Amino acid sequence: MNFSLYREMLSITSVRRLLLVGMVARIPHSAAGVLLTLHIVLTLGKGYAAAGAAAAVFTIGIAIGAPWRGRRVDTVGLRKALIPSVVSELVIWSVVPHVSYEWILPLVFVGGLLTLPIFSVIRQSLGVLVDGEQRRSAYALDSIGTEVVFMIGPAVGAVVATSGFTVLGLTIVGVCTSAAGLFLLWFNPPTRSEGVLDAGQTADRDADELHAAEAAVVASAPAHLQEAASEMAPTVSQASGLRGKMARNFTWFTAAVAAVFAVAAGSGMVLSGTDVGIVAVLQRGGHESEIGIVFFFWCASSVVGGLIYGAMHRPVSPILLLLGMAALTIPMGFAGDTWTLALLSLLPGLLCAPVLSAASEKVADIVDEDRRGEAMGWYGSALTAGVAFGSPVAGLFIDGVGPWAGFVAIGTAGVVLCLAGLFLQLRRRRSMTITQAGAGDPAN
């Protein structure tokens, strides 16, 4: 690995400034999930099902709004496209902590629709500012910054919330994110090349952007998948748009692709359910001030797992990795103290980044290159759907049975999903073997 390329990237003022803005802009939202959950539970006195429902509504808003925001950047330019996000981030997150739960749901939905599209903006801008091997190095630096932010952000959010400052914390989220948007408006990094690119250059840039989108999903795991996953969709919209996608057929959508999408949805479900479970176990046990410790261990182990998986020369089936992660999530429900929970989070955390990496690699392997961007957009949608589903389901079991039940329910659901998938794969292979044997029989 040529580390001098990283020095070269950081020596370019525009790139260094863009990477710094990207890190700063992601910090508030990395803490927002924990802050919103604890605000609903501690300040409003609602249950974890209600908190999970709010997280799901926010995620759905992000998923719906991401393609539209990406197209707006393409059609009207960065500054005009970001104005609604800058205003909504400030207004909505300043209002949310002062209203009842019934008003929080529509507000966070609108907030999701108009969330500052930081992942796609940074990705597009880096793709224009640098090219070739430098572009890949710039994307790698952005992923490293994302990993650092999402290790620290949830811990900071937990400390603020458990200190009794959820109202102030959520307000700061809006102010800081809006300020980051204003800085982007002033900086106005390019999102389109001034010159005309030939077909080869366009294909290289699109491939690098798609790879960067996949890396962003892995880097934002396990505690903040929503925005990175949903913002894989703008990459698709640039190439074809909604009308074009609907007009084209889905011949690429095979049983193998469906299985990978199921793994993506299952991964999102397990991770978002675990997120809520960690908060619930520690809050109900009177250790809410130590939530940040567990999040740090959980997120850091995902980074380590990603590095280990990246150094491996042979791919591992994503369904087997999800099976391991889901099964290892179940024991987290029986932790009796903070440090036990933190240590138990290490093993499922180690498999988090490998699951997401293996799944995106599988899509790239089994889908033709000319349809890969579309397939990855749907992959991101499957992941987002799983995230939206996991939080309220875990919350229901936490409220109805106990804090430990969230881990058990989500982990068991993940295991059942994987076992069903493995059974269907085995059945399909046997069917294919019988068919091939019949075709090769001279009697036929």
Protein backbone atom coordinates (compact mmCIF):
# COMPACT_ATOMS: atom_id res chain seq x y z
CA MET A 1 0.00 0.00 0.00
CA ASN A 2 1.35 3.40 -1.00
CA PHE A 3 0.75 5.62 2.04
CA SER A 4 2.34 8.58 0.25
CA LEU A 5 -0.91 8.90 -1.71
CA TYR A 6 -2.70 9.78 1.53
CA ARG A 7 -0.19 12.56 2.18
CA GLU A 8 -0.74 13.83 -1.35
CA MET A 9 -4.49 13.89 -0.80
CA LEU A 10 -4.20 15.81 2.45
CA SER A 11 -1.83 18.31 0.83
CA ILE A 12 -4.61 19.36 -1.58
CA THR A 13 -6.49 22.17 0.17
CA SER A 14 -9.87 21.53 -1.42
CA VAL A 15 -9.74 17.79 -0.65
CA ARG A 16 -8.54 18.33 2.92
CA ARG A 17 -11.28 20.89 3.53
CA LEU A 18 -13.95 18.61 2.04
CA LEU A 19 -12.88 15.62 4.15
CA LEU A 20 -12.88 17.77 7.30
CA VAL A 21 -16.36 19.11 6.53
CA GLY A 22 -17.55 15.55 5.93
CA MET A 23 -16.33 14.43 9.34
CA VAL A 24 -17.78 17.43 11.16
CA ALA A 25 -21.14 17.12 9.37
CA ARG A 26 -21.49 13.44 10.29
CA ILE A 27 -20.79 13.90 14.01
CA PRO A 28 -24.22 15.37 14.97
CA HIS A 29 -26.26 12.70 13.21
CA SER A 30 -24.02 9.94 14.54
CA ALA A 31 -25.18 10.99 18.02
CA ALA A 32 -28.80 11.73 17.04
CA GLY A 33 -30.03 8.13 17.16
CA VAL A 34 -29.07 7.56 20.79
CA LEU A 35 -30.23 11.04 21.75
CA LEU A 36 -33.66 10.58 20.17
CA THR A 37 -34.14 7.13 21.71
CA LEU A 38 -33.25 8.30 25.22
CA HIS A 39 -35.26 11.51 24.83
CA ILE A 40 -38.39 9.47 24.04
CA VAL A 41 -37.73 6.95 26.82
CA LEU A 42 -36.33 9.15 29.60
CA THR A 43 -37.75 12.61 28.94
CA LEU A 44 -41.15 11.68 27.48
CA GLY A 45 -41.55 8.47 29.48
CA LYS A 46 -42.48 6.34 26.47
CA GLY A 47 -41.39 2.75 25.80
CA TYR A 48 -38.72 1.36 23.50
CA ALA A 49 -41.34 0.32 20.95
CA ALA A 50 -42.23 3.99 20.59
CA ALA A 51 -38.56 4.93 20.31
CA GLY A 52 -38.03 2.21 17.71
CA ALA A 53 -41.04 3.41 15.74
CA ALA A 54 -39.62 6.94 15.64
CA ALA A 55 -36.29 5.58 14.40
CA ALA A 56 -38.13 3.58 11.72
CA VAL A 57 -40.10 6.63 10.56
CA PHE A 58 -36.87 8.65 10.36
CA THR A 59 -35.21 5.87 8.35
CA ILE A 60 -38.16 5.66 5.94
CA GLY A 61 -37.97 9.41 5.43
CA ILE A 62 -34.27 9.16 4.62
CA ALA A 63 -34.87 6.29 2.18
CA ILE A 64 -37.59 8.21 0.32
CA GLY A 65 -35.75 11.51 0.27
CA ALA A 66 -32.27 10.34 -0.72
CA PRO A 67 -32.91 9.72 -4.44
CA TRP A 68 -34.81 13.01 -4.78
CA ARG A 69 -32.05 14.99 -3.04
CA GLY A 70 -29.43 13.34 -5.24
CA ARG A 71 -31.33 14.29 -8.39
CA ARG A 72 -31.72 17.87 -7.13
CA VAL A 73 -27.95 18.18 -6.77
CA ASP A 74 -27.60 17.01 -10.38
CA THR A 75 -30.31 19.25 -11.85
CA VAL A 76 -30.11 22.56 -9.95
CA GLY A 77 -26.62 22.49 -8.45
CA LEU A 78 -25.32 21.98 -4.93
CA ARG A 79 -26.25 25.32 -3.39
CA LYS A 80 -29.93 25.36 -4.38
CA ALA A 81 -30.28 21.66 -3.54
CA LEU A 82 -28.89 22.08 -0.02
CA ILE A 83 -30.98 25.09 1.05
CA PRO A 84 -34.03 22.99 2.13
CA SER A 85 -31.75 20.68 4.14
CA VAL A 86 -29.95 23.56 5.87
CA VAL A 87 -33.26 25.12 6.93
CA SER A 88 -34.99 21.87 7.93
CA GLU A 89 -32.05 20.55 9.98
CA LEU A 90 -32.06 23.71 12.10
CA VAL A 91 -35.83 24.03 12.46
CA ILE A 92 -36.87 20.40 12.91
CA TRP A 93 -34.19 19.32 15.38
CA SER A 94 -34.77 22.48 17.40
CA VAL A 95 -38.51 21.78 17.57
CA VAL A 96 -38.46 17.99 18.11
CA PRO A 97 -37.31 18.06 21.76
CA HIS A 98 -40.10 20.51 22.70
CA VAL A 99 -43.15 18.64 21.34
CA SER A 100 -45.13 15.57 22.31
CA TYR A 101 -44.40 12.12 20.89
CA GLU A 102 -47.33 12.36 18.46
CA TRP A 103 -45.69 15.37 16.82
CA ILE A 104 -42.22 13.84 16.84
CA LEU A 105 -43.21 11.17 14.29
CA PRO A 106 -44.19 13.51 11.44
CA LEU A 107 -41.33 15.87 12.28
CA VAL A 108 -38.63 13.19 12.11
CA PHE A 109 -40.18 11.87 8.88
CA VAL A 110 -39.82 15.31 7.27
CA GLY A 111 -36.37 15.56 8.84
CA GLY A 112 -35.43 12.28 7.16
CA LEU A 113 -36.79 13.47 3.82
CA LEU A 114 -34.65 16.62 3.98
CA THR A 115 -31.57 15.25 5.77
CA LEU A 116 -28.34 16.87 4.63
CA PRO A 117 -27.09 14.41 1.94
CA ILE A 118 -23.54 14.45 3.23
CA PHE A 119 -22.50 10.98 2.06
CA SER A 120 -23.46 11.48 -1.59
CA VAL A 121 -22.21 15.08 -1.75
CA ILE A 122 -18.78 14.22 -0.37
CA ARG A 123 -18.58 11.16 -2.62
CA GLN A 124 -19.52 13.09 -5.78
CA SER A 125 -17.22 16.00 -4.97
CA LEU A 126 -14.21 13.80 -4.31
CA GLY A 127 -14.92 12.03 -7.61
CA VAL A 128 -14.61 15.37 -9.42
CA LEU A 129 -11.69 16.87 -7.46
CA VAL A 130 -9.33 13.91 -7.97
CA ASP A 131 -9.14 10.99 -10.37
CA GLY A 132 -7.57 7.57 -10.88
CA GLU A 133 -5.66 6.10 -7.97
CA GLN A 134 -5.90 9.41 -6.12
CA ARG A 135 -9.70 9.13 -6.16
CA ARG A 136 -9.60 5.72 -4.50
CA SER A 137 -7.20 7.04 -1.86
CA ALA A 138 -9.51 10.00 -1.19
CA TYR A 139 -12.49 7.67 -0.78
CA ALA A 140 -10.44 5.51 1.61
CA LEU A 141 -9.60 8.55 3.73
CA ASP A 142 -13.29 9.50 3.83
CA SER A 143 -14.18 5.97 5.00
CA ILE A 144 -11.58 6.13 7.75
CA GLY A 145 -13.01 9.44 8.94
CA THR A 146 -16.52 7.96 8.89
CA GLU A 147 -15.42 5.01 11.02
CA VAL A 148 -13.84 7.31 13.60
CA VAL A 149 -16.96 9.50 13.75
CA PHE A 150 -19.31 6.57 14.23
CA MET A 151 -17.18 5.13 17.00
CA ILE A 152 -17.24 8.42 18.91
CA GLY A 153 -20.64 9.95 18.03
CA PRO A 154 -22.99 7.44 19.73
CA ALA A 155 -20.85 7.51 22.87
CA VAL A 156 -21.03 11.30 23.04
CA GLY A 157 -24.78 11.21 22.42
CA ALA A 158 -25.25 8.73 25.26
CA VAL A 159 -23.24 10.86 27.71
CA VAL A 160 -25.25 13.98 26.82
CA ALA A 161 -28.59 12.17 27.07
CA THR A 162 -27.89 10.44 30.37
CA SER A 163 -26.71 13.71 31.85
CA GLY A 164 -30.27 14.98 31.38
CA PHE A 165 -29.58 17.19 28.38
CA THR A 166 -31.57 15.45 25.62
CA VAL A 167 -33.35 18.70 24.70
CA LEU A 168 -30.07 20.60 24.41
CA GLY A 169 -28.39 17.68 22.65
CA LEU A 170 -31.04 17.36 19.93
CA THR A 171 -30.99 21.12 19.41
CA ILE A 172 -27.20 21.04 19.00
CA VAL A 173 -27.61 18.26 16.41
CA GLY A 174 -29.73 20.59 14.29
CA VAL A 175 -27.54 23.64 14.77
CA CYS A 176 -24.29 21.82 13.98
CA THR A 177 -25.67 19.96 10.95
CA SER A 178 -27.17 23.17 9.58
CA ALA A 179 -23.84 24.94 10.14
CA ALA A 180 -22.06 22.19 8.21
CA GLY A 181 -24.56 22.68 5.39
CA LEU A 182 -23.90 26.43 5.39
CA PHE A 183 -20.19 25.73 5.14
CA LEU A 184 -20.84 23.48 2.14
CA LEU A 185 -22.89 26.28 0.57
CA TRP A 186 -19.98 28.66 1.04
CA PHE A 187 -17.35 26.14 -0.02
CA ASN A 188 -19.54 24.89 -2.92
CA PRO A 189 -17.39 21.89 -3.89
CA PRO A 190 -17.90 20.74 -7.50
CA THR A 191 -20.22 17.78 -8.06
CA ARG A 192 -19.84 17.65 -11.85
CA SER A 193 -16.77 17.77 -14.06
CA GLU A 194 -16.29 20.95 -16.07
CA GLY A 195 -14.79 19.07 -18.98
CA VAL A 196 -16.46 16.40 -21.07
CA LEU A 197 -15.44 12.90 -20.01
CA ASP A 198 -15.11 10.10 -22.52
CA ALA A 199 -16.93 6.80 -22.00
CA GLY A 200 -13.95 5.15 -20.31
CA GLN A 201 -13.40 8.00 -17.85
CA THR A 202 -17.11 8.11 -17.01
CA ALA A 203 -17.22 4.36 -16.42
CA ASP A 204 -14.13 4.53 -14.17
CA ARG A 205 -15.59 7.35 -12.10
CA ASP A 206 -18.98 5.64 -11.77
CA ALA A 207 -17.28 2.40 -10.68
CA ASP A 208 -15.19 4.25 -8.10
CA GLU A 209 -18.25 6.09 -6.77
CA LEU A 210 -20.17 2.82 -6.44
CA HIS A 211 -17.26 1.27 -4.58
CA ALA A 212 -17.11 4.33 -2.31
CA ALA A 213 -20.83 4.03 -1.60
CA GLU A 214 -20.35 0.40 -0.57
CA ALA A 215 -17.39 1.39 1.63
CA ALA A 216 -19.46 4.13 3.28
CA VAL A 217 -22.10 1.57 4.30
CA VAL A 218 -19.45 -0.63 5.89
CA ALA A 219 -17.77 2.35 7.58
CA SER A 220 -21.03 3.62 9.09
CA ALA A 221 -21.89 0.22 10.59
CA PRO A 222 -22.97 -0.97 13.02
CA ALA A 223 -24.66 2.01 14.65
CA HIS A 224 -25.63 4.34 11.80
CA LEU A 225 -26.52 2.56 8.57
CA GLN A 226 -29.59 4.56 7.49
CA GLU A 227 -28.04 7.47 5.60
CA ALA A 228 -25.16 5.60 3.97
CA ALA A 229 -27.43 2.77 2.80
CA SER A 230 -30.15 5.04 1.43
CA GLU A 231 -27.66 7.29 -0.34
CA MET A 232 -26.52 4.44 -2.54
CA ALA A 233 -29.68 5.20 -4.54
CA PRO A 234 -28.50 8.52 -6.07
CA THR A 235 -25.69 6.65 -7.82
CA VAL A 236 -28.39 4.73 -9.65
CA SER A 237 -30.49 7.77 -10.43
CA GLN A 238 -27.58 9.51 -12.12
CA ALA A 239 -27.30 6.70 -14.59
CA SER A 240 -30.90 5.93 -15.39
CA GLY A 241 -33.52 7.74 -13.31
CA LEU A 242 -36.76 6.29 -12.04
CA ARG A 243 -38.49 6.15 -15.42
CA GLY A 244 -35.55 4.39 -17.01
CA LYS A 245 -35.34 1.86 -14.20
CA MET A 246 -39.02 1.02 -14.46
CA ALA A 247 -38.80 0.65 -18.22
CA ARG A 248 -35.93 -1.82 -18.02
CA ASN A 249 -36.60 -5.41 -17.02
CA PHE A 250 -35.35 -7.23 -13.94
CA THR A 251 -33.59 -10.14 -15.60
CA TRP A 252 -30.66 -9.56 -13.26
CA PHE A 253 -32.89 -10.27 -10.24
CA THR A 254 -32.19 -13.97 -9.77
CA ALA A 255 -32.70 -16.23 -6.78
CA ALA A 256 -29.06 -15.64 -5.82
CA VAL A 257 -29.54 -11.86 -5.86
CA ALA A 258 -32.74 -12.21 -3.82
CA ALA A 259 -30.80 -14.21 -1.23
CA VAL A 260 -28.20 -11.43 -0.93
CA PHE A 261 -30.95 -8.83 -0.53
CA ALA A 262 -32.46 -10.97 2.23
CA VAL A 263 -29.05 -11.02 3.94
CA ALA A 264 -28.88 -7.22 3.63
CA ALA A 265 -32.33 -6.81 5.18
CA GLY A 266 -31.48 -9.30 7.92
CA SER A 267 -28.23 -7.48 8.68
CA GLY A 268 -30.00 -4.14 9.00
CA MET A 269 -32.64 -5.73 11.24
CA VAL A 270 -30.09 -7.32 13.59
CA LEU A 271 -27.92 -4.20 13.82
CA SER A 272 -30.73 -1.71 14.46
CA GLY A 273 -32.33 -4.08 16.97
CA THR A 274 -29.00 -4.48 18.76
CA ASP A 275 -28.65 -0.69 18.86
CA VAL A 276 -31.96 -0.34 20.73
CA GLY A 277 -31.18 -3.38 22.91
CA ILE A 278 -27.89 -1.93 24.15
CA VAL A 279 -29.59 1.27 25.25
CA ALA A 280 -32.47 -0.62 26.90
CA VAL A 281 -30.36 -3.10 28.88
CA LEU A 282 -28.11 -0.42 30.33
CA GLN A 283 -30.88 2.12 30.94
CA ARG A 284 -33.11 -0.38 32.72
CA GLY A 285 -30.13 -1.59 34.75
CA GLY A 286 -29.27 1.93 35.91
CA HIS A 287 -26.06 2.11 33.85
CA GLU A 288 -27.26 4.52 31.18
CA SER A 289 -24.25 6.78 31.68
CA GLU A 290 -22.06 3.92 30.45
CA ILE A 291 -23.86 3.34 27.13
CA GLY A 292 -20.97 4.97 25.27
CA ILE A 293 -18.56 2.28 26.50
CA VAL A 294 -20.55 -0.52 24.88
CA PHE A 295 -21.08 1.42 21.65
CA PHE A 296 -17.35 2.08 21.43
CA PHE A 297 -16.49 -1.61 21.86
CA TRP A 298 -19.19 -2.68 19.42
CA CYS A 299 -18.21 -0.19 16.70
CA ALA A 300 -14.46 -0.66 17.19
CA SER A 301 -14.78 -4.43 16.81
CA SER A 302 -16.59 -3.87 13.51
CA VAL A 303 -13.61 -1.86 12.26
CA VAL A 304 -11.23 -4.65 13.31
CA GLY A 305 -13.45 -7.25 11.68
CA GLY A 306 -13.49 -5.27 8.45
CA LEU A 307 -9.70 -5.06 8.41
CA ILE A 308 -9.37 -8.81 9.02
CA TYR A 309 -11.91 -9.67 6.33
CA GLY A 310 -10.26 -7.28 3.87
CA ALA A 311 -6.92 -9.08 4.38
CA MET A 312 -8.44 -12.48 3.61
CA HIS A 313 -7.86 -13.95 0.16
CA ARG A 314 -11.02 -16.06 0.01
CA PRO A 315 -14.56 -14.70 0.26
CA VAL A 316 -16.97 -16.05 2.87
CA SER A 317 -20.66 -16.61 2.21
CA PRO A 318 -22.59 -13.57 3.51
CA ILE A 319 -25.43 -15.80 4.77
CA LEU A 320 -22.97 -17.73 6.98
CA LEU A 321 -21.52 -14.49 8.32
CA LEU A 322 -25.01 -13.18 9.12
CA LEU A 323 -25.86 -16.50 10.80
CA GLY A 324 -22.82 -16.10 13.05
CA MET A 325 -23.55 -12.44 13.81
CA ALA A 326 -27.21 -13.13 14.64
CA ALA A 327 -26.40 -16.15 16.83
CA LEU A 328 -23.70 -14.24 18.71
CA THR A 329 -26.11 -11.35 19.32
CA ILE A 330 -28.42 -13.51 21.44
CA PRO A 331 -26.02 -13.87 24.46
CA MET A 332 -25.83 -10.07 24.75
CA GLY A 333 -29.28 -10.19 26.33
CA PHE A 334 -27.94 -12.05 29.36
CA ALA A 335 -25.20 -9.57 30.27
CA GLY A 336 -25.46 -8.43 33.88
CA ASP A 337 -23.26 -5.35 33.75
CA THR A 338 -21.72 -2.85 31.34
CA TRP A 339 -18.35 -4.52 30.86
CA THR A 340 -19.88 -7.95 30.28
CA LEU A 341 -22.17 -6.44 27.64
CA ALA A 342 -19.23 -4.62 26.05
CA LEU A 343 -17.20 -7.83 25.86
CA LEU A 344 -20.15 -9.82 24.50
CA SER A 345 -20.63 -7.18 21.80
CA LEU A 346 -17.14 -7.84 20.43
CA LEU A 347 -17.91 -11.13 18.67
CA PRO A 348 -21.04 -10.03 16.76
CA GLY A 349 -19.33 -6.71 16.13
CA LEU A 350 -16.38 -8.47 14.50
CA LEU A 351 -18.75 -9.97 11.92
CA CYS A 352 -20.65 -6.75 11.19
CA ALA A 353 -18.38 -5.19 8.55
CA PRO A 354 -17.57 -8.59 6.97
CA VAL A 355 -21.30 -9.33 6.49
CA LEU A 356 -21.86 -6.05 4.67
CA SER A 357 -18.63 -6.32 2.67
CA ALA A 358 -19.33 -9.91 1.64
CA ALA A 359 -22.91 -9.08 0.61
CA SER A 360 -21.91 -6.13 -1.58
CA GLU A 361 -19.10 -8.21 -3.11
CA LYS A 362 -21.60 -10.97 -3.89
CA VAL A 363 -23.88 -8.54 -5.71
CA ALA A 364 -20.90 -7.32 -7.74
CA ASP A 365 -19.99 -10.92 -8.62
CA ILE A 366 -23.40 -12.17 -9.76
CA VAL A 367 -24.84 -9.07 -11.48
CA ASP A 368 -23.58 -7.90 -14.87
CA GLU A 369 -21.57 -4.70 -14.80
CA ASP A 370 -24.11 -2.70 -16.83
CA ARG A 371 -26.82 -3.41 -14.22
CA ARG A 372 -24.64 -3.34 -11.12
CA GLY A 373 -25.43 0.24 -10.13
CA GLU A 374 -29.16 -0.48 -10.23
CA ALA A 375 -28.67 -3.68 -8.24
CA MET A 376 -26.62 -1.89 -5.58
CA GLY A 377 -29.35 0.74 -5.27
CA TRP A 378 -31.86 -2.01 -4.49
CA TYR A 379 -29.34 -3.59 -2.14
CA GLY A 380 -29.21 -0.31 -0.23
CA SER A 381 -33.01 -0.25 -0.13
CA ALA A 382 -33.10 -3.78 1.33
CA LEU A 383 -30.58 -2.79 3.99
CA THR A 384 -32.56 0.34 4.85
CA ALA A 385 -35.79 -1.68 5.10
CA GLY A 386 -34.12 -4.03 7.56
CA VAL A 387 -32.92 -1.12 9.67
CA ALA A 388 -36.44 0.34 9.76
CA PHE A 389 -37.91 -3.03 10.78
CA GLY A 390 -35.42 -3.99 13.49
CA SER A 391 -35.81 -1.07 15.89
CA PRO A 392 -39.56 -1.26 16.56
CA VAL A 393 -39.54 -5.07 16.68
CA ALA A 394 -36.80 -5.07 19.32
CA GLY A 395 -38.67 -2.32 21.17
CA LEU A 396 -41.86 -4.38 21.29
CA PHE A 397 -40.08 -7.32 22.92
CA ILE A 398 -38.20 -5.03 25.31
CA ASP A 399 -41.43 -3.39 26.51
CA GLY A 400 -43.45 -6.59 26.58
CA VAL A 401 -40.94 -9.08 28.03
CA GLY A 402 -37.80 -7.33 29.25
CA PRO A 403 -34.59 -5.63 28.05
CA TRP A 404 -32.88 -8.95 27.34
CA ALA A 405 -35.68 -10.02 25.00
CA GLY A 406 -34.73 -7.48 22.35
CA PHE A 407 -31.40 -9.22 21.67
CA VAL A 408 -32.96 -12.68 21.80
CA ALA A 409 -35.82 -11.78 19.45
CA ILE A 410 -33.66 -10.02 16.87
CA GLY A 411 -30.88 -12.61 17.04
CA THR A 412 -33.32 -15.50 16.76
CA ALA A 413 -35.09 -13.86 13.81
CA GLY A 414 -31.72 -13.48 12.07
CA VAL A 415 -30.83 -17.13 12.72
CA VAL A 416 -34.21 -18.35 11.42
CA LEU A 417 -33.83 -16.20 8.30
CA CYS A 418 -30.38 -17.64 7.60
CA LEU A 419 -31.42 -21.25 8.23
CA ALA A 420 -34.38 -20.80 5.89
CA GLY A 421 -32.06 -19.33 3.29
CA LEU A 422 -29.57 -22.19 3.61
CA PHE A 423 -32.41 -24.74 3.33
CA LEU A 424 -33.71 -23.09 0.17
CA GLN A 425 -30.19 -22.98 -1.29
CA LEU A 426 -29.70 -26.67 -0.57
CA ARG A 427 -33.07 -27.53 -2.06
CA ARG A 428 -32.33 -25.48 -5.18
CA ARG A 429 -28.95 -27.17 -5.66
CA ARG A 430 -30.52 -30.61 -5.32
CA SER A 431 -33.18 -29.67 -7.85
CA MET A 432 -30.54 -28.45 -10.28
CA THR A 433 -28.51 -31.62 -9.78
CA ILE A 434 -31.56 -33.80 -10.51
CA THR A 435 -32.38 -31.71 -13.58
CA GLN A 436 -28.83 -31.95 -14.92
CA ALA A 437 -28.74 -35.69 -14.23
CA GLY A 438 -32.02 -36.13 -16.09
CA ALA A 439 -30.77 -34.08 -19.03
CA GLY A 440 -27.62 -36.20 -19.23
CA ASP A 441 -29.47 -39.55 -19.09
CA PRO A 442 -29.38 -41.19 -22.57
CA ALA A 443 -32.80 -42.71 -21.86
CA ASN A 444 -34.23 -39.20 -22.00
